[in-house]
């Protein structure tokens, strides 16, 4: 049977002392998991983490992907985004006046919204 003191203190909260464990707790991650959790760092950064972290064990069973192996890294670190859209993705406009656009904002009045010029 376990008894617990449930009477509140003067501030309404109970305080309990915590003791530090004598056994350290290690957490094991693969390089791929660390790459995804830490916002896609380079393999060199993961290797540095392996050397400098105290409570983390880095498992090398799944290697850290390079920039060209990870799609998220490729898209985030690309300098130019080239569109590869084909004409088949947009419907053809064979008939005249098949598609008509209209501006809903009247631009004849050259003043701004607050009537400034």
PDB file of N, CA and C in Angstrom:
ATOM      1  N   UNK A   1       0.842  -1.166   0.000  1.00  0.00           N
ATOM      2  CA  UNK A   1       0.000   0.000   0.000  1.00  0.00           C
ATOM      3  C   UNK A   1       0.894   1.239   0.000  1.00  0.00           C
ATOM      4  N   UNK A   2       0.546   2.227  -0.835  1.00  0.00           N
ATOM      5  CA  UNK A   2       1.332   3.442  -0.967  1.00  0.00           C
ATOM      6  C   UNK A   2       0.494   4.616  -0.475  1.00  0.00           C
ATOM      7  N   UNK A   3       1.070   5.410   0.410  1.00  0.00           N
ATOM      8  CA  UNK A   3       0.396   6.602   0.906  1.00  0.00           C
ATOM      9  C   UNK A   3       1.050   7.835   0.297  1.00  0.00           C
ATOM     10  N   UNK A   4       0.243   8.781  -0.046  1.00  0.00           N
ATOM     11  CA  UNK A   4       0.757  10.005  -0.655  1.00  0.00           C
ATOM     12  C   UNK A   4       0.168  11.192   0.071  1.00  0.00           C
ATOM     13  N   UNK A   5       0.986  12.187   0.334  1.00  0.00           N
ATOM     14  CA  UNK A   5       0.533  13.393   1.013  1.00  0.00           C
ATOM     15  C   UNK A   5      -0.155  14.280  -0.006  1.00  0.00           C
ATOM     16  N   UNK A   6      -1.440  14.479   0.137  1.00  0.00           N
ATOM     17  CA  UNK A   6      -2.198  15.296  -0.810  1.00  0.00           C
ATOM     18  C   UNK A   6      -2.634  16.622  -0.226  1.00  0.00           C
ATOM     19  N   UNK A   7      -2.152  16.970   0.955  1.00  0.00           N
ATOM     20  CA  UNK A   7      -2.520  18.258   1.531  1.00  0.00           C
ATOM     21  C   UNK A   7      -1.721  19.358   0.869  1.00  0.00           C
ATOM     22  N   UNK A   8      -2.356  20.413   0.397  1.00  0.00           N
ATOM     23  CA  UNK A   8      -1.623  21.478  -0.293  1.00  0.00           C
ATOM     24  C   UNK A   8      -0.796  22.313   0.676  1.00  0.00           C
ATOM     25  N   UNK A   9       0.296  22.831   0.164  1.00  0.00           N
ATOM     26  CA  UNK A   9       1.135  23.759   0.924  1.00  0.00           C
ATOM     27  C   UNK A   9       0.476  25.125   0.937  1.00  0.00           C
ATOM     28  N   UNK A  10       1.185  26.124   1.474  1.00  0.00           N
ATOM     29  CA  UNK A  10       0.630  27.472   1.547  1.00  0.00           C
ATOM     30  C   UNK A  10       0.388  28.063   0.158  1.00  0.00           C
ATOM     31  N   UNK A  11       1.193  27.651  -0.855  1.00  0.00           N
ATOM     32  CA  UNK A  11       0.991  28.183  -2.203  1.00  0.00           C
ATOM     33  C   UNK A  11       0.075  27.297  -3.043  1.00  0.00           C
ATOM     34  N   UNK A  12      -0.397  26.184  -2.471  1.00  0.00           N
ATOM     35  CA  UNK A  12      -1.324  25.331  -3.181  1.00  0.00           C
ATOM     36  C   UNK A  12      -0.664  24.201  -3.956  1.00  0.00           C
ATOM     37  N   UNK A  13       0.660  24.117  -3.924  1.00  0.00           N
ATOM     38  CA  UNK A  13       1.365  23.091  -4.669  1.00  0.00           C
ATOM     39  C   UNK A  13       2.230  22.263  -3.725  1.00  0.00           C
ATOM     40  N   UNK A  14       2.383  20.997  -4.033  1.00  0.00           N
ATOM     41  CA  UNK A  14       3.278  20.137  -3.272  1.00  0.00           C
ATOM     42  C   UNK A  14       4.631  20.109  -3.958  1.00  0.00           C
ATOM     43  N   UNK A  15       5.688  20.026  -3.185  1.00  0.00           N
ATOM     44  CA  UNK A  15       7.034  19.972  -3.741  1.00  0.00           C
ATOM     45  C   UNK A  15       7.638  18.619  -3.411  1.00  0.00           C
ATOM     46  N   UNK A  16       8.246  18.001  -4.407  1.00  0.00           N
ATOM     47  CA  UNK A  16       8.894  16.707  -4.212  1.00  0.00           C
ATOM     48  C   UNK A  16      10.333  16.829  -4.662  1.00  0.00           C
ATOM     49  N   UNK A  17      11.219  16.225  -3.939  1.00  0.00           N
ATOM     50  CA  UNK A  17      12.634  16.262  -4.291  1.00  0.00           C
ATOM     51  C   UNK A  17      12.913  15.208  -5.357  1.00  0.00           C
ATOM     52  N   UNK A  18      13.726  15.559  -6.338  1.00  0.00           N
ATOM     53  CA  UNK A  18      14.131  14.627  -7.377  1.00  0.00           C
ATOM     54  C   UNK A  18      15.601  14.311  -7.193  1.00  0.00           C
ATOM     55  N   UNK A  19      15.936  13.063  -7.327  1.00  0.00           N
ATOM     56  CA  UNK A  19      17.332  12.665  -7.203  1.00  0.00           C
ATOM     57  C   UNK A  19      17.884  12.332  -8.574  1.00  0.00           C
ATOM     58  N   UNK A  20      19.142  12.629  -8.756  1.00  0.00           N
ATOM     59  CA  UNK A  20      19.798  12.367 -10.025  1.00  0.00           C
ATOM     60  C   UNK A  20      20.153  10.887 -10.101  1.00  0.00           C
ATOM     61  N   UNK A  21      19.889  10.312 -11.237  1.00  0.00           N
ATOM     62  CA  UNK A  21      20.208   8.910 -11.437  1.00  0.00           C
ATOM     63  C   UNK A  21      21.713   8.748 -11.570  1.00  0.00           C
ATOM     64  N   UNK A  22      22.240   7.687 -10.985  1.00  0.00           N
ATOM     65  CA  UNK A  22      23.681   7.450 -11.100  1.00  0.00           C
ATOM     66  C   UNK A  22      24.031   6.848 -12.458  1.00  0.00           C
ATOM     67  N   UNK A  23      23.062   6.240 -13.115  1.00  0.00           N
ATOM     68  CA  UNK A  23      23.302   5.670 -14.440  1.00  0.00           C
ATOM     69  C   UNK A  23      22.910   6.678 -15.517  1.00  0.00           C
ATOM     70  N   UNK A  24      23.816   7.024 -16.413  1.00  0.00           N
ATOM     71  CA  UNK A  24      23.453   7.960 -17.481  1.00  0.00           C
ATOM     72  C   UNK A  24      22.484   7.308 -18.470  1.00  0.00           C
ATOM     73  N   UNK A  25      21.613   8.124 -19.033  1.00  0.00           N
ATOM     74  CA  UNK A  25      20.637   7.651 -20.012  1.00  0.00           C
ATOM     75  C   UNK A  25      21.131   8.048 -21.389  1.00  0.00           C
ATOM     76  N   UNK A  26      21.294   7.069 -22.246  1.00  0.00           N
ATOM     77  CA  UNK A  26      21.743   7.313 -23.613  1.00  0.00           C
ATOM     78  C   UNK A  26      20.585   7.094 -24.567  1.00  0.00           C
ATOM     79  N   UNK A  27      20.499   7.917 -25.580  1.00  0.00           N
ATOM     80  CA  UNK A  27      19.485   7.787 -26.606  1.00  0.00           C
ATOM     81  C   UNK A  27      20.178   7.448 -27.911  1.00  0.00           C
ATOM     82  N   UNK A  28      19.647   6.458 -28.616  1.00  0.00           N
ATOM     83  CA  UNK A  28      20.275   6.008 -29.854  1.00  0.00           C
ATOM     84  C   UNK A  28      19.425   6.430 -31.045  1.00  0.00           C
ATOM     85  N   UNK A  29      20.084   7.062 -32.015  1.00  0.00           N
ATOM     86  CA  UNK A  29      19.445   7.491 -33.246  1.00  0.00           C
ATOM     87  C   UNK A  29      20.295   7.027 -34.424  1.00  0.00           C
ATOM     88  N   UNK A  30      19.637   6.787 -35.555  1.00  0.00           N
ATOM     89  CA  UNK A  30      20.396   6.530 -36.776  1.00  0.00           C
ATOM     90  C   UNK A  30      20.743   7.871 -37.407  1.00  0.00           C
ATOM     91  N   UNK A  31      21.684   7.848 -38.331  1.00  0.00           N
ATOM     92  CA  UNK A  31      22.069   9.090 -39.004  1.00  0.00           C
ATOM     93  C   UNK A  31      20.907   9.646 -39.820  1.00  0.00           C
ATOM     94  N   UNK A  32      20.089   8.774 -40.388  1.00  0.00           N
ATOM     95  CA  UNK A  32      18.927   9.233 -41.156  1.00  0.00           C
ATOM     96  C   UNK A  32      17.908   9.913 -40.247  1.00  0.00           C
ATOM     97  N   UNK A  33      17.653   9.357 -39.063  1.00  0.00           N
ATOM     98  CA  UNK A  33      16.713   9.983 -38.125  1.00  0.00           C
ATOM     99  C   UNK A  33      17.218  11.347 -37.668  1.00  0.00           C
ATOM    100  N   UNK A  34      18.504  11.449 -37.379  1.00  0.00           N
ATOM    101  CA  UNK A  34      19.065  12.743 -36.975  1.00  0.00           C
ATOM    102  C   UNK A  34      18.982  13.753 -38.113  1.00  0.00           C
ATOM    103  N   UNK A  35      19.200  13.294 -39.340  1.00  0.00           N
ATOM    104  CA  UNK A  35      19.117  14.182 -40.504  1.00  0.00           C
ATOM    105  C   UNK A  35      17.707  14.760 -40.631  1.00  0.00           C
ATOM    106  N   UNK A  36      16.699  13.953 -40.393  1.00  0.00           N
ATOM    107  CA  UNK A  36      15.313  14.425 -40.513  1.00  0.00           C
ATOM    108  C   UNK A  36      14.891  15.255 -39.307  1.00  0.00           C
ATOM    109  N   UNK A  37      15.352  14.929 -38.106  1.00  0.00           N
ATOM    110  CA  UNK A  37      14.948  15.662 -36.900  1.00  0.00           C
ATOM    111  C   UNK A  37      15.622  17.019 -36.782  1.00  0.00           C
ATOM    112  N   UNK A  38      16.851  17.144 -37.264  1.00  0.00           N
ATOM    113  CA  UNK A  38      17.625  18.365 -37.072  1.00  0.00           C
ATOM    114  C   UNK A  38      17.604  19.270 -38.294  1.00  0.00           C
ATOM    115  N   UNK A  39      16.524  19.257 -39.052  1.00  0.00           N
ATOM    116  CA  UNK A  39      16.313  20.172 -40.188  1.00  0.00           C
ATOM    117  C   UNK A  39      17.321  19.948 -41.313  1.00  0.00           C
ATOM    118  N   UNK A  40      17.613  18.681 -41.605  1.00  0.00           N
ATOM    119  CA  UNK A  40      18.399  18.275 -42.774  1.00  0.00           C
ATOM    120  C   UNK A  40      19.811  18.873 -42.817  1.00  0.00           C
ATOM    121  N   UNK A  41      20.628  18.630 -41.788  1.00  0.00           N
ATOM    122  CA  UNK A  41      22.018  19.096 -41.862  1.00  0.00           C
ATOM    123  C   UNK A  41      22.847  18.186 -42.772  1.00  0.00           C
ATOM    124  N   UNK A  42      24.049  18.600 -43.058  1.00  0.00           N
ATOM    125  CA  UNK A  42      24.934  17.830 -43.932  1.00  0.00           C
ATOM    126  C   UNK A  42      25.489  16.615 -43.180  1.00  0.00           C
ATOM    127  N   UNK A  43      26.002  15.631 -43.914  1.00  0.00           N
ATOM    128  CA  UNK A  43      26.622  14.476 -43.248  1.00  0.00           C
ATOM    129  C   UNK A  43      27.805  14.875 -42.358  1.00  0.00           C
ATOM    130  N   UNK A  44      28.497  15.932 -42.722  1.00  0.00           N
ATOM    131  CA  UNK A  44      29.623  16.406 -41.913  1.00  0.00           C
ATOM    132  C   UNK A  44      29.136  16.910 -40.550  1.00  0.00           C
ATOM    133  N   UNK A  45      27.988  17.584 -40.527  1.00  0.00           N
ATOM    134  CA  UNK A  45      27.424  18.073 -39.263  1.00  0.00           C
ATOM    135  C   UNK A  45      26.963  16.909 -38.389  1.00  0.00           C
ATOM    136  N   UNK A  46      26.409  15.879 -38.998  1.00  0.00           N
ATOM    137  CA  UNK A  46      25.993  14.698 -38.243  1.00  0.00           C
ATOM    138  C   UNK A  46      27.222  14.009 -37.648  1.00  0.00           C
ATOM    139  N   UNK A  47      28.303  13.939 -38.400  1.00  0.00           N
ATOM    140  CA  UNK A  47      29.536  13.338 -37.891  1.00  0.00           C
ATOM    141  C   UNK A  47      30.088  14.154 -36.726  1.00  0.00           C
ATOM    142  N   UNK A  48      29.996  15.476 -36.811  1.00  0.00           N
ATOM    143  CA  UNK A  48      30.453  16.336 -35.714  1.00  0.00           C
ATOM    144  C   UNK A  48      29.590  16.120 -34.478  1.00  0.00           C
ATOM    145  N   UNK A  49      28.289  15.937 -34.671  1.00  0.00           N
ATOM    146  CA  UNK A  49      27.392  15.672 -33.557  1.00  0.00           C
ATOM    147  C   UNK A  49      27.758  14.350 -32.895  1.00  0.00           C
ATOM    148  N   UNK A  50      28.123  13.376 -33.701  1.00  0.00           N
ATOM    149  CA  UNK A  50      28.521  12.069 -33.168  1.00  0.00           C
ATOM    150  C   UNK A  50      29.753  12.205 -32.279  1.00  0.00           C
ATOM    151  N   UNK A  51      30.675  13.087 -32.661  1.00  0.00           N
ATOM    152  CA  UNK A  51      31.905  13.261 -31.895  1.00  0.00           C
ATOM    153  C   UNK A  51      31.719  14.138 -30.658  1.00  0.00           C
ATOM    154  N   UNK A  52      30.786  15.085 -30.679  1.00  0.00           N
ATOM    155  CA  UNK A  52      30.682  16.058 -29.593  1.00  0.00           C
ATOM    156  C   UNK A  52      29.530  15.809 -28.630  1.00  0.00           C
ATOM    157  N   UNK A  53      28.518  15.045 -29.003  1.00  0.00           N
ATOM    158  CA  UNK A  53      27.369  14.827 -28.124  1.00  0.00           C
ATOM    159  C   UNK A  53      27.733  13.846 -27.015  1.00  0.00           C
ATOM    160  N   UNK A  54      27.167  14.066 -25.845  1.00  0.00           N
ATOM    161  CA  UNK A  54      27.503  13.238 -24.688  1.00  0.00           C
ATOM    162  C   UNK A  54      26.473  12.124 -24.495  1.00  0.00           C
ATOM    163  N   UNK A  55      25.192  12.450 -24.575  1.00  0.00           N
ATOM    164  CA  UNK A  55      24.140  11.492 -24.254  1.00  0.00           C
ATOM    165  C   UNK A  55      23.487  10.865 -25.480  1.00  0.00           C
ATOM    166  N   UNK A  56      24.087  11.001 -26.646  1.00  0.00           N
ATOM    167  CA  UNK A  56      23.502  10.469 -27.875  1.00  0.00           C
ATOM    168  C   UNK A  56      24.450   9.441 -28.474  1.00  0.00           C
ATOM    169  N   UNK A  57      23.886   8.310 -28.842  1.00  0.00           N
ATOM    170  CA  UNK A  57      24.633   7.292 -29.572  1.00  0.00           C
ATOM    171  C   UNK A  57      24.148   7.340 -31.012  1.00  0.00           C
ATOM    172  N   UNK A  58      25.062   7.568 -31.951  1.00  0.00           N
ATOM    173  CA  UNK A  58      24.708   7.664 -33.367  1.00  0.00           C
ATOM    174  C   UNK A  58      24.982   6.316 -34.014  1.00  0.00           C
ATOM    175  N   UNK A  59      23.913   5.706 -34.520  1.00  0.00           N
ATOM    176  CA  UNK A  59      24.008   4.406 -35.176  1.00  0.00           C
ATOM    177  C   UNK A  59      24.262   4.626 -36.663  1.00  0.00           C
ATOM    178  N   UNK A  60      25.219   3.918 -37.219  1.00  0.00           N
ATOM    179  CA  UNK A  60      25.573   4.087 -38.637  1.00  0.00           C
ATOM    180  C   UNK A  60      24.899   3.069 -39.543  1.00  0.00           C
ATOM    181  N   UNK A  61      23.843   2.396 -39.059  1.00  0.00           N
ATOM    182  CA  UNK A  61      23.192   1.383 -39.892  1.00  0.00           C
ATOM    183  C   UNK A  61      22.471   2.011 -41.084  1.00  0.00           C
ATOM    184  N   UNK A  62      21.857   3.174 -40.894  1.00  0.00           N
ATOM    185  CA  UNK A  62      21.243   3.915 -42.001  1.00  0.00           C
ATOM    186  C   UNK A  62      22.078   5.169 -42.222  1.00  0.00           C
ATOM    187  N   UNK A  63      22.760   5.290 -43.357  1.00  0.00           N
ATOM    188  CA  UNK A  63      23.657   6.434 -43.555  1.00  0.00           C
ATOM    189  C   UNK A  63      22.888   7.740 -43.742  1.00  0.00           C
ATOM    190  N   UNK A  64      23.559   8.817 -43.452  1.00  0.00           N
ATOM    191  CA  UNK A  64      22.991  10.152 -43.647  1.00  0.00           C
ATOM    192  C   UNK A  64      22.966  10.446 -45.146  1.00  0.00           C
ATOM    193  N   UNK A  65      21.827  10.851 -45.694  1.00  0.00           N
ATOM    194  CA  UNK A  65      21.779  11.118 -47.129  1.00  0.00           C
ATOM    195  C   UNK A  65      22.534  12.389 -47.500  1.00  0.00           C
ATOM    196  N   UNK A  66      23.086  12.382 -48.695  1.00  0.00           N
ATOM    197  CA  UNK A  66      23.738  13.578 -49.233  1.00  0.00           C
ATOM    198  C   UNK A  66      22.665  14.517 -49.769  1.00  0.00           C
ATOM    199  N   UNK A  67      23.089  15.671 -50.251  1.00  0.00           N
ATOM    200  CA  UNK A  67      22.143  16.669 -50.755  1.00  0.00           C
ATOM    201  C   UNK A  67      21.350  16.132 -51.941  1.00  0.00           C
ATOM    202  N   UNK A  68      21.967  15.315 -52.778  1.00  0.00           N
ATOM    203  CA  UNK A  68      21.266  14.825 -53.963  1.00  0.00           C
ATOM    204  C   UNK A  68      20.407  13.606 -53.662  1.00  0.00           C
ATOM    205  N   UNK A  69      20.578  12.983 -52.489  1.00  0.00           N
ATOM    206  CA  UNK A  69      19.779  11.812 -52.131  1.00  0.00           C
ATOM    207  C   UNK A  69      18.495  12.174 -51.403  1.00  0.00           C
ATOM    208  N   UNK A  70      18.423  13.350 -50.818  1.00  0.00           N
ATOM    209  CA  UNK A  70      17.259  13.778 -50.042  1.00  0.00           C
ATOM    210  C   UNK A  70      16.486  14.825 -50.850  1.00  0.00           C
ATOM    211  N   UNK A  71      15.217  14.537 -51.128  1.00  0.00           N
ATOM    212  CA  UNK A  71      14.420  15.458 -51.952  1.00  0.00           C
ATOM    213  C   UNK A  71      14.213  16.801 -51.255  1.00  0.00           C
ATOM    214  N   UNK A  72      14.002  16.788 -49.941  1.00  0.00           N
ATOM    215  CA  UNK A  72      13.811  18.034 -49.201  1.00  0.00           C
ATOM    216  C   UNK A  72      15.059  18.903 -49.272  1.00  0.00           C
ATOM    217  N   UNK A  73      16.237  18.277 -49.150  1.00  0.00           N
ATOM    218  CA  UNK A  73      17.488  19.033 -49.245  1.00  0.00           C
ATOM    219  C   UNK A  73      17.677  19.606 -50.646  1.00  0.00           C
ATOM    220  N   UNK A  74      17.338  18.824 -51.661  1.00  0.00           N
ATOM    221  CA  UNK A  74      17.487  19.311 -53.037  1.00  0.00           C
ATOM    222  C   UNK A  74      16.611  20.531 -53.282  1.00  0.00           C
ATOM    223  N   UNK A  75      15.358  20.478 -52.831  1.00  0.00           N
ATOM    224  CA  UNK A  75      14.449  21.604 -53.069  1.00  0.00           C
ATOM    225  C   UNK A  75      14.828  22.816 -52.245  1.00  0.00           C
ATOM    226  N   UNK A  76      15.287  22.617 -51.015  1.00  0.00           N
ATOM    227  CA  UNK A  76      15.619  23.743 -50.142  1.00  0.00           C
ATOM    228  C   UNK A  76      16.916  24.430 -50.542  1.00  0.00           C
ATOM    229  N   UNK A  77      17.859  23.671 -51.074  1.00  0.00           N
ATOM    230  CA  UNK A  77      19.166  24.229 -51.379  1.00  0.00           C
ATOM    231  C   UNK A  77      19.355  24.521 -52.861  1.00  0.00           C
ATOM    232  N   UNK A  78      18.286  24.448 -53.640  1.00  0.00           N
ATOM    233  CA  UNK A  78      18.386  24.747 -55.067  1.00  0.00           C
ATOM    234  C   UNK A  78      18.500  26.251 -55.271  1.00  0.00           C
ATOM    235  N   UNK A  79      19.362  26.659 -56.192  1.00  0.00           N
ATOM    236  CA  UNK A  79      19.540  28.081 -56.471  1.00  0.00           C
ATOM    237  C   UNK A  79      18.487  28.589 -57.435  1.00  0.00           C
ATOM    238  N   UNK A  80      18.105  27.777 -58.410  1.00  0.00           N
ATOM    239  CA  UNK A  80      17.076  28.164 -59.376  1.00  0.00           C
ATOM    240  C   UNK A  80      16.068  27.046 -59.481  1.00  0.00           C
ATOM    241  N   UNK A  81      14.799  27.407 -59.458  1.00  0.00           N
ATOM    242  CA  UNK A  81      13.732  26.434 -59.626  1.00  0.00           C
ATOM    243  C   UNK A  81      13.271  26.514 -61.078  1.00  0.00           C
ATOM    244  N   UNK A  82      13.569  25.492 -61.853  1.00  0.00           N
ATOM    245  CA  UNK A  82      13.222  25.461 -63.264  1.00  0.00           C
ATOM    246  C   UNK A  82      11.921  24.702 -63.416  1.00  0.00           C
ATOM    247  N   UNK A  83      10.935  25.329 -64.029  1.00  0.00           N
ATOM    248  CA  UNK A  83       9.657  24.676 -64.241  1.00  0.00           C
ATOM    249  C   UNK A  83       9.753  23.743 -65.430  1.00  0.00           C
ATOM    250  N   UNK A  84       9.299  22.520 -65.254  1.00  0.00           N
ATOM    251  CA  UNK A  84       9.290  21.525 -66.316  1.00  0.00           C
ATOM    252  C   UNK A  84       7.855  21.221 -66.751  1.00  0.00           C
ATOM    253  N   UNK A  85       7.002  22.208 -66.660  1.00  0.00           N
ATOM    254  CA  UNK A  85       5.597  22.015 -67.016  1.00  0.00           C
ATOM    255  C   UNK A  85       5.466  21.855 -68.524  1.00  0.00           C
ATOM    256  N   UNK A  86       4.743  20.850 -68.921  1.00  0.00           N
ATOM    257  CA  UNK A  86       4.490  20.628 -70.347  1.00  0.00           C
ATOM    258  C   UNK A  86       3.200  21.328 -70.740  1.00  0.00           C
ATOM    259  N   UNK A  87       2.995  21.478 -72.038  1.00  0.00           N
ATOM    260  CA  UNK A  87       1.781  22.155 -72.493  1.00  0.00           C
ATOM    261  C   UNK A  87       0.555  21.281 -72.292  1.00  0.00           C
ATOM    262  N   UNK A  88       0.741  20.002 -72.070  1.00  0.00           N
ATOM    263  CA  UNK A  88      -0.386  19.113 -71.834  1.00  0.00           C
ATOM    264  C   UNK A  88      -1.059  19.348 -70.503  1.00  0.00           C
ATOM    265  N   UNK A  89      -0.382  20.027 -69.574  1.00  0.00           N
ATOM    266  CA  UNK A  89      -0.958  20.274 -68.263  1.00  0.00           C
ATOM    267  C   UNK A  89      -1.946  21.434 -68.284  1.00  0.00           C
ATOM    268  N   UNK A  90      -1.836  22.322 -69.239  1.00  0.00           N
ATOM    269  CA  UNK A  90      -2.767  23.436 -69.349  1.00  0.00           C
ATOM    270  C   UNK A  90      -3.633  23.202 -70.586  1.00  0.00           C
ATOM    271  N   UNK A  91      -4.936  23.374 -70.462  1.00  0.00           N
ATOM    272  CA  UNK A  91      -5.797  23.093 -71.612  1.00  0.00           C
ATOM    273  C   UNK A  91      -5.506  24.023 -72.781  1.00  0.00           C
ATOM    274  N   UNK A  92      -5.620  23.456 -73.964  1.00  0.00           N
ATOM    275  CA  UNK A  92      -5.369  24.244 -75.177  1.00  0.00           C
ATOM    276  C   UNK A  92      -6.524  25.200 -75.413  1.00  0.00           C
ATOM    277  N   UNK A  93      -6.198  26.344 -75.994  1.00  0.00           N
ATOM    278  CA  UNK A  93      -7.201  27.359 -76.287  1.00  0.00           C
ATOM    279  C   UNK A  93      -7.325  27.456 -77.802  1.00  0.00           C
ATOM    280  N   UNK A  94      -8.110  26.556 -78.402  1.00  0.00           N
ATOM    281  CA  UNK A  94      -8.230  26.494 -79.854  1.00  0.00           C
ATOM    282  C   UNK A  94      -9.240  27.499 -80.402  1.00  0.00           C
ATOM    283  N   UNK A  95     -10.280  27.774 -79.671  1.00  0.00           N
ATOM    284  CA  UNK A  95     -11.340  28.669 -80.158  1.00  0.00           C
ATOM    285  C   UNK A  95     -11.106  30.086 -79.664  1.00  0.00           C
ATOM    286  N   UNK A  96     -11.312  31.079 -80.503  1.00  0.00           N
ATOM    287  CA  UNK A  96     -11.188  32.458 -80.041  1.00  0.00           C
ATOM    288  C   UNK A  96     -12.244  32.766 -78.979  1.00  0.00           C
ATOM    289  N   UNK A  97     -11.885  33.554 -78.006  1.00  0.00           N
ATOM    290  CA  UNK A  97     -12.744  33.956 -76.891  1.00  0.00           C
ATOM    291  C   UNK A  97     -13.239  32.757 -76.075  1.00  0.00           C
ATOM    292  N   UNK A  98     -12.474  31.692 -76.091  1.00  0.00           N
ATOM    293  CA  UNK A  98     -12.835  30.521 -75.305  1.00  0.00           C
ATOM    294  C   UNK A  98     -12.616  30.811 -73.811  1.00  0.00           C
ATOM    295  N   UNK A  99     -11.579  31.572 -73.521  1.00  0.00           N
ATOM    296  CA  UNK A  99     -11.304  31.971 -72.147  1.00  0.00           C
ATOM    297  C   UNK A  99     -11.190  33.489 -72.117  1.00  0.00           C
ATOM    298  N   UNK A 100     -12.000  34.117 -71.277  1.00  0.00           N
ATOM    299  CA  UNK A 100     -11.995  35.574 -71.170  1.00  0.00           C
ATOM    300  C   UNK A 100     -11.725  35.924 -69.715  1.00  0.00           C
ATOM    301  N   UNK A 101     -10.852  36.888 -69.497  1.00  0.00           N
ATOM    302  CA  UNK A 101     -10.581  37.353 -68.138  1.00  0.00           C
ATOM    303  C   UNK A 101     -11.108  38.775 -68.001  1.00  0.00           C
ATOM    304  N   UNK A 102     -11.440  39.154 -66.781  1.00  0.00           N
ATOM    305  CA  UNK A 102     -12.003  40.465 -66.511  1.00  0.00           C
ATOM    306  C   UNK A 102     -11.417  40.974 -65.200  1.00  0.00           C
ATOM    307  N   UNK A 103     -10.958  42.212 -65.168  1.00  0.00           N
ATOM    308  CA  UNK A 103     -10.448  42.823 -63.950  1.00  0.00           C
ATOM    309  C   UNK A 103     -11.617  43.329 -63.117  1.00  0.00           C
ATOM    310  N   UNK A 104     -11.676  42.892 -61.890  1.00  0.00           N
ATOM    311  CA  UNK A 104     -12.759  43.303 -61.006  1.00  0.00           C
ATOM    312  C   UNK A 104     -12.496  44.655 -60.358  1.00  0.00           C
ATOM    313  N   UNK A 105     -11.267  45.132 -60.419  1.00  0.00           N
ATOM    314  CA  UNK A 105     -10.902  46.404 -59.813  1.00  0.00           C
ATOM    315  C   UNK A 105     -10.898  47.475 -60.892  1.00  0.00           C
ATOM    316  N   UNK A 106     -11.603  48.545 -60.639  1.00  0.00           N
ATOM    317  CA  UNK A 106     -11.666  49.629 -61.599  1.00  0.00           C
ATOM    318  C   UNK A 106     -10.388  50.450 -61.509  1.00  0.00           C
ATOM    319  N   UNK A 107      -9.603  50.458 -62.574  1.00  0.00           N
ATOM    320  CA  UNK A 107      -8.344  51.184 -62.582  1.00  0.00           C
ATOM    321  C   UNK A 107      -8.454  52.522 -63.313  1.00  0.00           C
ATOM    322  N   UNK A 108      -9.656  52.921 -63.689  1.00  0.00           N
ATOM    323  CA  UNK A 108      -9.824  54.210 -64.366  1.00  0.00           C
ATOM    324  C   UNK A 108      -9.598  55.362 -63.397  1.00  0.00           C
ATOM    325  N   UNK A 109     -10.027  55.192 -62.180  1.00  0.00           N
ATOM    326  CA  UNK A 109      -9.802  56.216 -61.172  1.00  0.00           C
ATOM    327  C   UNK A 109      -8.359  56.088 -60.705  1.00  0.00           C
ATOM    328  N   UNK A 110      -7.534  57.073 -60.952  1.00  0.00           N
ATOM    329  CA  UNK A 110      -6.097  56.991 -60.688  1.00  0.00           C
ATOM    330  C   UNK A 110      -5.735  57.302 -59.241  1.00  0.00           C
ATOM    331  N   UNK A 111      -6.699  57.485 -58.367  1.00  0.00           N
ATOM    332  CA  UNK A 111      -6.382  57.784 -56.976  1.00  0.00           C
ATOM    333  C   UNK A 111      -6.295  56.483 -56.177  1.00  0.00           C
ATOM    334  N   UNK A 112      -5.674  56.578 -55.034  1.00  0.00           N
ATOM    335  CA  UNK A 112      -5.520  55.410 -54.168  1.00  0.00           C
ATOM    336  C   UNK A 112      -6.800  55.163 -53.388  1.00  0.00           C
ATOM    337  N   UNK A 113      -6.777  54.145 -52.553  1.00  0.00           N
ATOM    338  CA  UNK A 113      -7.947  53.782 -51.781  1.00  0.00           C
ATOM    339  C   UNK A 113      -8.393  54.919 -50.865  1.00  0.00           C
ATOM    340  N   UNK A 114      -7.417  55.647 -50.308  1.00  0.00           N
ATOM    341  CA  UNK A 114      -7.783  56.775 -49.447  1.00  0.00           C
ATOM    342  C   UNK A 114      -7.862  58.089 -50.226  1.00  0.00           C
ATOM    343  N   UNK A 115      -8.005  57.992 -51.528  1.00  0.00           N
ATOM    344  CA  UNK A 115      -8.183  59.127 -52.470  1.00  0.00           C
ATOM    345  C   UNK A 115      -6.934  59.971 -52.633  1.00  0.00           C
ATOM    346  N   UNK A 116      -5.773  59.499 -52.259  1.00  0.00           N
ATOM    347  CA  UNK A 116      -4.530  60.191 -52.519  1.00  0.00           C
ATOM    348  C   UNK A 116      -4.113  59.898 -53.957  1.00  0.00           C
ATOM    349  N   UNK A 117      -3.452  60.856 -54.585  1.00  0.00           N
ATOM    350  CA  UNK A 117      -2.964  60.636 -55.955  1.00  0.00           C
ATOM    351  C   UNK A 117      -1.558  60.108 -55.952  1.00  0.00           C
TER     352      UNK A 117
END
